[in-house]
Structures are given as C-alpha cells and as structure tokens.
C-alpha cells in the first residue's frame, strides 16, 4: 500500500524545492561575480544539490500517492516540441558518444577484458543508441555489483527514459520515467560534479514532467559541471530554448 502524504507537506516540499533552486541560481551568480571563493562555492553547491535532489525525490514519492491524472500522450508531446526535440536529440547523441571515451572526472585508458564490469559498460555504450532498453538492463547488471557507479546510474536513467519513446500506453510509461528520474537523482547525489545526469534529468523533467524552471536549473548544473566542448554549445542552445519557453508561458 502506498503511504498517503499530507497535501500541506507536499506544498512545503515544493516550496523547499523552489528555495533550493533559487539558492543554486544565486550561488552561481555570486560566484561569477567573485563574491564567493572557490572552496565555499563548491561546498555550498554540493550541499544545495544534494538537498534539492532529496527534496525532488520526496515530491515524486508524494505525487505518486495522489489520485492519477488523466493519461498523457508522451510521444505526441515529444513531437510537438519541434526544435526542442532536435536539441534534445543532438545533446543526447553528443553525450552518449562521449561516454564511450570517458568516465566522470577521468579518461578511460583502455578496456581490460578480464574486468567483467568494464566489459558490460562497454557493451551498454555500444548499443545504447539503437537499443536503449537493452542498454538500461546491462547498466542495471553493473549496478547490482556497484550500486553507486555514477556512469551506470546516469546512463541507466537516460536509457530508461529513451525506452518509452514510441510506446502507446502512457500509464505504463510513467513508472519507467519515475525510475529514470530516481536513477539520475542518485547519480547527482553520488557525484555532484558530474555534468551528464544534470543534463539528462533536465531534459526528462522538461519534456515528460513539464517542469521548465527545474529543467533550467538542472541544465545550468550540467554547464557548471564542465561538459565536453562538443556538448557545451548544444546544451547552451537547449537551455536558451527552455528559457524562451518559460518567458512565453
């Protein structure tokens, strides 16, 4: 049985989410202006990020206990996004391609075939573009042995989200999307300096949950994390599209 949540508590959590996101935005501005030194900036950013992720998880759990909303045609919503869909596709392709060559914070020096987990990660990277559901399953196998493998958490979340595209049963899709968000949130909590889960969660929350303000902050987190050069411009373009959508809403 799903535990019911007090609507007042849910509203309080949402207020806390907004406060934390505003705090992250203010912190970025103050750091850019030179008002916060690097050490304090990183400490505050990590703290706000973890608290925001925890709050977002609590909100999602609370919403899951509320009466279901009318079904949403996720595929139609994706198509209706037009330019956003193109931007999302480009960002996804660039990050997915670069993931085959790097790990969070370091470069891969080569694949050791004796290392089962490295082999599994390599297999997942190779098929995630054409078969995201199978890639998600492989990342899940890695996580059974390394629950806090941040790359596996990130790309399991993203491939789970991708796997719902084209499905015709929205009610069946929502649990997968919630699971995808959970995996991406845990990746952010595990390594707040890793850019990819911020970017992917921003896309998921914007396209599937209609939360542009949260998406904007997450995309800022992606940019602050120093994504690869070939990705940064695409993320900045996507961020501008989301910001424009907020301005015109």
C-alpha atoms as a PDB file:
ATOM      1  CA  UNK A   1       0.000   0.000   0.000  1.00  0.00           C
ATOM      2  CA  UNK A   2       1.313   3.454  -0.941  1.00  0.00           C
ATOM      3  CA  UNK A   3       1.519   5.770   2.066  1.00  0.00           C
ATOM      4  CA  UNK A   4      -0.641   8.851   1.667  1.00  0.00           C
ATOM      5  CA  UNK A   5       1.112  12.202   2.010  1.00  0.00           C
ATOM      6  CA  UNK A   6      -0.349  15.304   3.618  1.00  0.00           C
ATOM      7  CA  UNK A   7      -1.041  17.865   0.837  1.00  0.00           C
ATOM      8  CA  UNK A   8       0.336  20.580   3.116  1.00  0.00           C
ATOM      9  CA  UNK A   9       3.561  18.592   3.438  1.00  0.00           C
ATOM     10  CA  UNK A  10       3.732  18.243  -0.347  1.00  0.00           C
ATOM     11  CA  UNK A  11       3.265  22.003  -0.728  1.00  0.00           C
ATOM     12  CA  UNK A  12       6.006  22.599   1.862  1.00  0.00           C
ATOM     13  CA  UNK A  13       8.364  20.315  -0.058  1.00  0.00           C
ATOM     14  CA  UNK A  14       7.614  22.184  -3.263  1.00  0.00           C
ATOM     15  CA  UNK A  15       8.412  25.488  -1.533  1.00  0.00           C
ATOM     16  CA  UNK A  16      11.686  23.988  -0.322  1.00  0.00           C
ATOM     17  CA  UNK A  17      12.487  22.822  -3.858  1.00  0.00           C
ATOM     18  CA  UNK A  18      11.930  26.338  -5.214  1.00  0.00           C
ATOM     19  CA  UNK A  19      14.057  27.837  -2.436  1.00  0.00           C
ATOM     20  CA  UNK A  20      16.936  25.455  -3.119  1.00  0.00           C
ATOM     21  CA  UNK A  21      16.811  26.038  -6.861  1.00  0.00           C
ATOM     22  CA  UNK A  22      16.794  29.803  -6.319  1.00  0.00           C
ATOM     23  CA  UNK A  23      19.721  29.378  -3.937  1.00  0.00           C
ATOM     24  CA  UNK A  24      21.685  27.467  -6.577  1.00  0.00           C
ATOM     25  CA  UNK A  25      20.970  30.174  -9.135  1.00  0.00           C
ATOM     26  CA  UNK A  26      22.001  32.928  -6.689  1.00  0.00           C
ATOM     27  CA  UNK A  27      25.146  30.991  -5.790  1.00  0.00           C
ATOM     28  CA  UNK A  28      26.171  30.713  -9.442  1.00  0.00           C
ATOM     29  CA  UNK A  29      25.665  34.462  -9.892  1.00  0.00           C
ATOM     30  CA  UNK A  30      27.625  35.350  -6.748  1.00  0.00           C
ATOM     31  CA  UNK A  31      30.464  33.019  -7.717  1.00  0.00           C
ATOM     32  CA  UNK A  32      30.634  34.520 -11.214  1.00  0.00           C
ATOM     33  CA  UNK A  33      30.809  37.993  -9.644  1.00  0.00           C
ATOM     34  CA  UNK A  34      33.674  36.923  -7.372  1.00  0.00           C
ATOM     35  CA  UNK A  35      31.670  37.286  -4.170  1.00  0.00           C
ATOM     36  CA  UNK A  36      32.138  33.621  -3.148  1.00  0.00           C
ATOM     37  CA  UNK A  37      35.526  31.887  -3.171  1.00  0.00           C
ATOM     38  CA  UNK A  38      36.012  28.553  -4.915  1.00  0.00           C
ATOM     39  CA  UNK A  39      36.061  26.390  -1.775  1.00  0.00           C
ATOM     40  CA  UNK A  40      32.895  27.905  -0.289  1.00  0.00           C
ATOM     41  CA  UNK A  41      31.211  27.802  -3.681  1.00  0.00           C
ATOM     42  CA  UNK A  42      31.843  24.083  -4.125  1.00  0.00           C
ATOM     43  CA  UNK A  43      30.788  23.246  -0.566  1.00  0.00           C
ATOM     44  CA  UNK A  44      27.560  25.241  -0.849  1.00  0.00           C
ATOM     45  CA  UNK A  45      26.791  23.944  -4.329  1.00  0.00           C
ATOM     46  CA  UNK A  46      27.242  20.299  -3.299  1.00  0.00           C
ATOM     47  CA  UNK A  47      25.031  20.829  -0.251  1.00  0.00           C
ATOM     48  CA  UNK A  48      22.262  22.576  -2.160  1.00  0.00           C
ATOM     49  CA  UNK A  49      22.399  19.982  -4.950  1.00  0.00           C
ATOM     50  CA  UNK A  50      22.053  17.013  -2.619  1.00  0.00           C
ATOM     51  CA  UNK A  51      19.224  18.692  -0.684  1.00  0.00           C
ATOM     52  CA  UNK A  52      17.431  19.591  -3.911  1.00  0.00           C
ATOM     53  CA  UNK A  53      17.730  16.030  -5.200  1.00  0.00           C
ATOM     54  CA  UNK A  54      16.421  14.613  -1.916  1.00  0.00           C
ATOM     55  CA  UNK A  55      13.515  17.069  -1.908  1.00  0.00           C
ATOM     56  CA  UNK A  56      12.641  16.280  -5.516  1.00  0.00           C
ATOM     57  CA  UNK A  57      12.595  12.570  -4.685  1.00  0.00           C
ATOM     58  CA  UNK A  58      10.237  13.187  -1.753  1.00  0.00           C
ATOM     59  CA  UNK A  59       7.946  15.233  -4.013  1.00  0.00           C
ATOM     60  CA  UNK A  60       7.863  12.486  -6.622  1.00  0.00           C
ATOM     61  CA  UNK A  61       7.033   9.894  -3.951  1.00  0.00           C
ATOM     62  CA  UNK A  62       4.287  12.131  -2.596  1.00  0.00           C
ATOM     63  CA  UNK A  63       2.792  12.760  -6.020  1.00  0.00           C
ATOM     64  CA  UNK A  64       2.734   9.029  -6.728  1.00  0.00           C
ATOM     65  CA  UNK A  65       0.330   8.637  -3.796  1.00  0.00           C
ATOM     66  CA  UNK A  66      -2.109  11.192  -5.195  1.00  0.00           C
ATOM     67  CA  UNK A  67      -5.049  10.229  -7.466  1.00  0.00           C
ATOM     68  CA  UNK A  68      -3.770   9.606 -11.017  1.00  0.00           C
ATOM     69  CA  UNK A  69      -4.022  12.342 -13.602  1.00  0.00           C
ATOM     70  CA  UNK A  70      -5.617  11.753 -16.999  1.00  0.00           C
ATOM     71  CA  UNK A  71      -3.237   9.850 -19.303  1.00  0.00           C
ATOM     72  CA  UNK A  72      -0.736  11.969 -21.241  1.00  0.00           C
ATOM     73  CA  UNK A  73       0.341  11.123 -24.769  1.00  0.00           C
ATOM     74  CA  UNK A  74       4.093  11.416 -24.148  1.00  0.00           C
ATOM     75  CA  UNK A  75       5.027  10.682 -27.753  1.00  0.00           C
ATOM     76  CA  UNK A  76       2.693  13.399 -29.058  1.00  0.00           C
ATOM     77  CA  UNK A  77       4.171  15.806 -26.517  1.00  0.00           C
ATOM     78  CA  UNK A  78       7.662  14.998 -27.705  1.00  0.00           C
ATOM     79  CA  UNK A  79       6.748  15.541 -31.343  1.00  0.00           C
ATOM     80  CA  UNK A  80       5.004  18.824 -30.513  1.00  0.00           C
ATOM     81  CA  UNK A  81       8.262  20.170 -29.088  1.00  0.00           C
ATOM     82  CA  UNK A  82       9.739  20.655 -32.574  1.00  0.00           C
ATOM     83  CA  UNK A  83      13.020  22.486 -32.080  1.00  0.00           C
ATOM     84  CA  UNK A  84      13.344  21.152 -28.540  1.00  0.00           C
ATOM     85  CA  UNK A  85      13.188  17.582 -29.819  1.00  0.00           C
ATOM     86  CA  UNK A  86      16.004  18.336 -32.247  1.00  0.00           C
ATOM     87  CA  UNK A  87      18.078  19.957 -29.473  1.00  0.00           C
ATOM     88  CA  UNK A  88      17.445  17.026 -27.146  1.00  0.00           C
ATOM     89  CA  UNK A  89      18.467  14.572 -29.834  1.00  0.00           C
ATOM     90  CA  UNK A  90      21.720  16.418 -30.500  1.00  0.00           C
ATOM     91  CA  UNK A  91      22.612  16.686 -26.806  1.00  0.00           C
ATOM     92  CA  UNK A  92      21.779  13.027 -26.254  1.00  0.00           C
ATOM     93  CA  UNK A  93      23.882  11.923 -29.212  1.00  0.00           C
ATOM     94  CA  UNK A  94      26.878  14.030 -28.205  1.00  0.00           C
ATOM     95  CA  UNK A  95      26.842  12.938 -24.553  1.00  0.00           C
ATOM     96  CA  UNK A  96      26.240   9.299 -25.445  1.00  0.00           C
ATOM     97  CA  UNK A  97      29.094   9.323 -27.932  1.00  0.00           C
ATOM     98  CA  UNK A  98      31.482  10.928 -25.465  1.00  0.00           C
ATOM     99  CA  UNK A  99      30.522   8.465 -22.712  1.00  0.00           C
ATOM    100  CA  UNK A 100      32.267   5.720 -24.665  1.00  0.00           C
ATOM    101  CA  UNK A 101      35.557   7.579 -24.201  1.00  0.00           C
ATOM    102  CA  UNK A 102      35.402   8.919 -20.657  1.00  0.00           C
ATOM    103  CA  UNK A 103      34.330   8.315 -17.103  1.00  0.00           C
ATOM    104  CA  UNK A 104      33.294  11.025 -14.613  1.00  0.00           C
ATOM    105  CA  UNK A 105      36.403  13.058 -13.884  1.00  0.00           C
ATOM    106  CA  UNK A 106      38.859  10.882 -15.791  1.00  0.00           C
ATOM    107  CA  UNK A 107      39.772   9.357 -19.125  1.00  0.00           C
ATOM    108  CA  UNK A 108      39.495   5.662 -19.882  1.00  0.00           C
ATOM    109  CA  UNK A 109      42.969   4.302 -20.523  1.00  0.00           C
ATOM    110  CA  UNK A 110      41.756   1.123 -22.199  1.00  0.00           C
ATOM    111  CA  UNK A 111      39.425  -1.798 -21.708  1.00  0.00           C
ATOM    112  CA  UNK A 112      40.640  -4.710 -19.634  1.00  0.00           C
ATOM    113  CA  UNK A 113      38.758  -7.774 -20.967  1.00  0.00           C
ATOM    114  CA  UNK A 114      39.326  -9.505 -17.642  1.00  0.00           C
ATOM    115  CA  UNK A 115      37.212  -6.931 -15.876  1.00  0.00           C
ATOM    116  CA  UNK A 116      33.594  -8.049 -16.197  1.00  0.00           C
ATOM    117  CA  UNK A 117      32.148  -4.684 -15.272  1.00  0.00           C
ATOM    118  CA  UNK A 118      34.257  -2.852 -17.839  1.00  0.00           C
ATOM    119  CA  UNK A 119      33.097  -5.305 -20.477  1.00  0.00           C
ATOM    120  CA  UNK A 120      29.459  -4.776 -19.507  1.00  0.00           C
ATOM    121  CA  UNK A 121      29.824  -0.984 -19.552  1.00  0.00           C
ATOM    122  CA  UNK A 122      31.443  -1.152 -22.977  1.00  0.00           C
ATOM    123  CA  UNK A 123      28.605  -3.338 -24.281  1.00  0.00           C
ATOM    124  CA  UNK A 124      25.980  -0.945 -22.938  1.00  0.00           C
ATOM    125  CA  UNK A 125      27.673   2.089 -24.501  1.00  0.00           C
ATOM    126  CA  UNK A 126      27.799   0.399 -27.884  1.00  0.00           C
ATOM    127  CA  UNK A 127      24.068  -0.398 -28.028  1.00  0.00           C
ATOM    128  CA  UNK A 128      22.504   2.485 -26.081  1.00  0.00           C
ATOM    129  CA  UNK A 129      21.771   4.472 -29.251  1.00  0.00           C
ATOM    130  CA  UNK A 130      19.909   1.721 -31.093  1.00  0.00           C
ATOM    131  CA  UNK A 131      18.521  -0.336 -28.205  1.00  0.00           C
ATOM    132  CA  UNK A 132      18.148   1.800 -25.048  1.00  0.00           C
ATOM    133  CA  UNK A 133      16.011  -0.760 -23.198  1.00  0.00           C
ATOM    134  CA  UNK A 134      18.688  -3.446 -23.520  1.00  0.00           C
ATOM    135  CA  UNK A 135      21.401  -0.950 -22.572  1.00  0.00           C
ATOM    136  CA  UNK A 136      19.401   0.001 -19.457  1.00  0.00           C
ATOM    137  CA  UNK A 137      19.253  -3.671 -18.476  1.00  0.00           C
ATOM    138  CA  UNK A 138      23.032  -4.009 -18.821  1.00  0.00           C
ATOM    139  CA  UNK A 139      23.642  -0.877 -16.749  1.00  0.00           C
ATOM    140  CA  UNK A 140      21.291  -2.423 -14.177  1.00  0.00           C
ATOM    141  CA  UNK A 141      23.506  -5.503 -14.038  1.00  0.00           C
ATOM    142  CA  UNK A 142      26.514  -3.293 -13.339  1.00  0.00           C
ATOM    143  CA  UNK A 143      24.620  -1.553 -10.549  1.00  0.00           C
ATOM    144  CA  UNK A 144      23.840  -4.873  -8.887  1.00  0.00           C
ATOM    145  CA  UNK A 145      27.583  -5.136  -8.199  1.00  0.00           C
ATOM    146  CA  UNK A 146      28.406  -1.429  -7.936  1.00  0.00           C
ATOM    147  CA  UNK A 147      25.271   0.390  -6.711  1.00  0.00           C
ATOM    148  CA  UNK A 148      26.990   3.792  -6.782  1.00  0.00           C
ATOM    149  CA  UNK A 149      28.665   3.525 -10.191  1.00  0.00           C
ATOM    150  CA  UNK A 150      27.809   7.054 -11.301  1.00  0.00           C
ATOM    151  CA  UNK A 151      28.117   6.432 -15.032  1.00  0.00           C
ATOM    152  CA  UNK A 152      25.873   3.362 -14.836  1.00  0.00           C
ATOM    153  CA  UNK A 153      23.336   5.266 -12.718  1.00  0.00           C
ATOM    154  CA  UNK A 154      23.343   8.132 -15.204  1.00  0.00           C
ATOM    155  CA  UNK A 155      23.039   6.153 -18.391  1.00  0.00           C
ATOM    156  CA  UNK A 156      20.600   3.647 -16.951  1.00  0.00           C
ATOM    157  CA  UNK A 157      18.344   6.583 -16.104  1.00  0.00           C
ATOM    158  CA  UNK A 158      18.696   8.141 -19.529  1.00  0.00           C
ATOM    159  CA  UNK A 159      18.209   4.908 -21.489  1.00  0.00           C
ATOM    160  CA  UNK A 160      15.143   4.073 -19.394  1.00  0.00           C
ATOM    161  CA  UNK A 161      13.665   7.439 -20.383  1.00  0.00           C
ATOM    162  CA  UNK A 162      14.518   6.878 -24.032  1.00  0.00           C
ATOM    163  CA  UNK A 163      12.954   3.431 -23.975  1.00  0.00           C
ATOM    164  CA  UNK A 164       9.431   4.852 -23.503  1.00  0.00           C
ATOM    165  CA  UNK A 165       9.531   6.820 -26.747  1.00  0.00           C
ATOM    166  CA  UNK A 166       7.122   5.233 -29.183  1.00  0.00           C
ATOM    167  CA  UNK A 167       5.255   3.273 -26.522  1.00  0.00           C
ATOM    168  CA  UNK A 168       1.483   3.614 -26.742  1.00  0.00           C
ATOM    169  CA  UNK A 169       0.476   3.126 -23.108  1.00  0.00           C
ATOM    170  CA  UNK A 170       1.196   6.321 -21.088  1.00  0.00           C
ATOM    171  CA  UNK A 171       0.012   4.734 -17.824  1.00  0.00           C
ATOM    172  CA  UNK A 172       2.641   2.029 -18.221  1.00  0.00           C
ATOM    173  CA  UNK A 173       5.328   4.574 -19.127  1.00  0.00           C
ATOM    174  CA  UNK A 174       5.113   6.716 -16.002  1.00  0.00           C
ATOM    175  CA  UNK A 175       6.728   4.173 -13.641  1.00  0.00           C
ATOM    176  CA  UNK A 176       9.672   3.872 -16.031  1.00  0.00           C
ATOM    177  CA  UNK A 177      10.029   7.645 -16.175  1.00  0.00           C
ATOM    178  CA  UNK A 178       9.907   7.855 -12.378  1.00  0.00           C
ATOM    179  CA  UNK A 179      12.548   5.119 -12.197  1.00  0.00           C
ATOM    180  CA  UNK A 180      14.670   7.018 -14.721  1.00  0.00           C
ATOM    181  CA  UNK A 181      14.423  10.182 -12.613  1.00  0.00           C
ATOM    182  CA  UNK A 182      15.352   8.258  -9.483  1.00  0.00           C
ATOM    183  CA  UNK A 183      18.482   6.839 -11.126  1.00  0.00           C
ATOM    184  CA  UNK A 184      19.552  10.257 -12.390  1.00  0.00           C
ATOM    185  CA  UNK A 185      18.902  11.838  -8.970  1.00  0.00           C
ATOM    186  CA  UNK A 186      21.066   9.221  -7.286  1.00  0.00           C
ATOM    187  CA  UNK A 187      23.823   9.891  -9.825  1.00  0.00           C
ATOM    188  CA  UNK A 188      23.707  13.598  -8.958  1.00  0.00           C
ATOM    189  CA  UNK A 189      23.815  12.825  -5.240  1.00  0.00           C
ATOM    190  CA  UNK A 190      26.732  10.429  -5.770  1.00  0.00           C
ATOM    191  CA  UNK A 191      28.838  12.885  -7.762  1.00  0.00           C
ATOM    192  CA  UNK A 192      27.511  16.474  -7.910  1.00  0.00           C
ATOM    193  CA  UNK A 193      30.463  17.424 -10.180  1.00  0.00           C
ATOM    194  CA  UNK A 194      29.454  15.031 -12.999  1.00  0.00           C
ATOM    195  CA  UNK A 195      27.679  17.013 -15.708  1.00  0.00           C
ATOM    196  CA  UNK A 196      25.766  14.296 -17.582  1.00  0.00           C
ATOM    197  CA  UNK A 197      22.997  13.418 -15.073  1.00  0.00           C
ATOM    198  CA  UNK A 198      22.162  17.115 -14.601  1.00  0.00           C
ATOM    199  CA  UNK A 199      21.675  17.477 -18.334  1.00  0.00           C
ATOM    200  CA  UNK A 200      19.674  14.293 -18.788  1.00  0.00           C
ATOM    201  CA  UNK A 201      17.449  14.947 -15.770  1.00  0.00           C
ATOM    202  CA  UNK A 202      16.832  18.462 -17.037  1.00  0.00           C
ATOM    203  CA  UNK A 203      15.609  17.021 -20.340  1.00  0.00           C
ATOM    204  CA  UNK A 204      13.440  14.396 -18.637  1.00  0.00           C
ATOM    205  CA  UNK A 205      11.812  16.854 -16.247  1.00  0.00           C
ATOM    206  CA  UNK A 206      11.128  19.326 -19.045  1.00  0.00           C
ATOM    207  CA  UNK A 207       9.837  17.006 -21.724  1.00  0.00           C
ATOM    208  CA  UNK A 208       7.967  14.465 -19.595  1.00  0.00           C
ATOM    209  CA  UNK A 209       7.042  16.347 -16.416  1.00  0.00           C
ATOM    210  CA  UNK A 210       6.505  19.872 -17.802  1.00  0.00           C
ATOM    211  CA  UNK A 211       8.831  21.485 -15.220  1.00  0.00           C
ATOM    212  CA  UNK A 212      10.771  24.067 -17.240  1.00  0.00           C
ATOM    213  CA  UNK A 213      12.055  26.041 -14.238  1.00  0.00           C
ATOM    214  CA  UNK A 214      13.571  22.928 -12.687  1.00  0.00           C
ATOM    215  CA  UNK A 215      14.925  21.871 -16.088  1.00  0.00           C
ATOM    216  CA  UNK A 216      16.639  25.235 -16.489  1.00  0.00           C
ATOM    217  CA  UNK A 217      18.439  24.893 -13.162  1.00  0.00           C
ATOM    218  CA  UNK A 218      19.496  21.347 -13.977  1.00  0.00           C
ATOM    219  CA  UNK A 219      20.853  22.442 -17.361  1.00  0.00           C
ATOM    220  CA  UNK A 220      22.800  25.154 -15.522  1.00  0.00           C
ATOM    221  CA  UNK A 221      24.182  22.375 -13.318  1.00  0.00           C
ATOM    222  CA  UNK A 222      25.203  20.486 -16.433  1.00  0.00           C
ATOM    223  CA  UNK A 223      27.073  23.508 -17.793  1.00  0.00           C
ATOM    224  CA  UNK A 224      28.690  24.207 -14.402  1.00  0.00           C
ATOM    225  CA  UNK A 225      29.965  20.611 -14.373  1.00  0.00           C
ATOM    226  CA  UNK A 226      32.128  21.254 -17.448  1.00  0.00           C
ATOM    227  CA  UNK A 227      30.645  19.004 -20.153  1.00  0.00           C
ATOM    228  CA  UNK A 228      32.864  18.134 -23.139  1.00  0.00           C
ATOM    229  CA  UNK A 229      33.481  21.008 -25.532  1.00  0.00           C
ATOM    230  CA  UNK A 230      31.443  19.357 -28.270  1.00  0.00           C
ATOM    231  CA  UNK A 231      28.468  19.169 -25.901  1.00  0.00           C
ATOM    232  CA  UNK A 232      28.563  22.610 -24.257  1.00  0.00           C
ATOM    233  CA  UNK A 233      27.235  24.549 -27.231  1.00  0.00           C
ATOM    234  CA  UNK A 234      24.368  22.107 -27.687  1.00  0.00           C
ATOM    235  CA  UNK A 235      23.416  22.329 -24.009  1.00  0.00           C
ATOM    236  CA  UNK A 236      23.557  26.128 -24.140  1.00  0.00           C
ATOM    237  CA  UNK A 237      21.249  26.077 -27.168  1.00  0.00           C
ATOM    238  CA  UNK A 238      18.822  23.759 -25.402  1.00  0.00           C
ATOM    239  CA  UNK A 239      18.934  25.949 -22.298  1.00  0.00           C
ATOM    240  CA  UNK A 240      18.058  29.006 -24.381  1.00  0.00           C
ATOM    241  CA  UNK A 241      15.089  27.144 -25.854  1.00  0.00           C
ATOM    242  CA  UNK A 242      13.816  26.176 -22.394  1.00  0.00           C
ATOM    243  CA  UNK A 243      14.335  29.714 -21.079  1.00  0.00           C
ATOM    244  CA  UNK A 244      12.360  31.098 -24.036  1.00  0.00           C
ATOM    245  CA  UNK A 245       9.548  28.670 -23.299  1.00  0.00           C
ATOM    246  CA  UNK A 246       9.420  29.949 -19.695  1.00  0.00           C
ATOM    247  CA  UNK A 247       9.340  33.559 -20.866  1.00  0.00           C
ATOM    248  CA  UNK A 248       6.424  32.920 -23.222  1.00  0.00           C
ATOM    249  CA  UNK A 249       4.388  30.739 -20.842  1.00  0.00           C
END
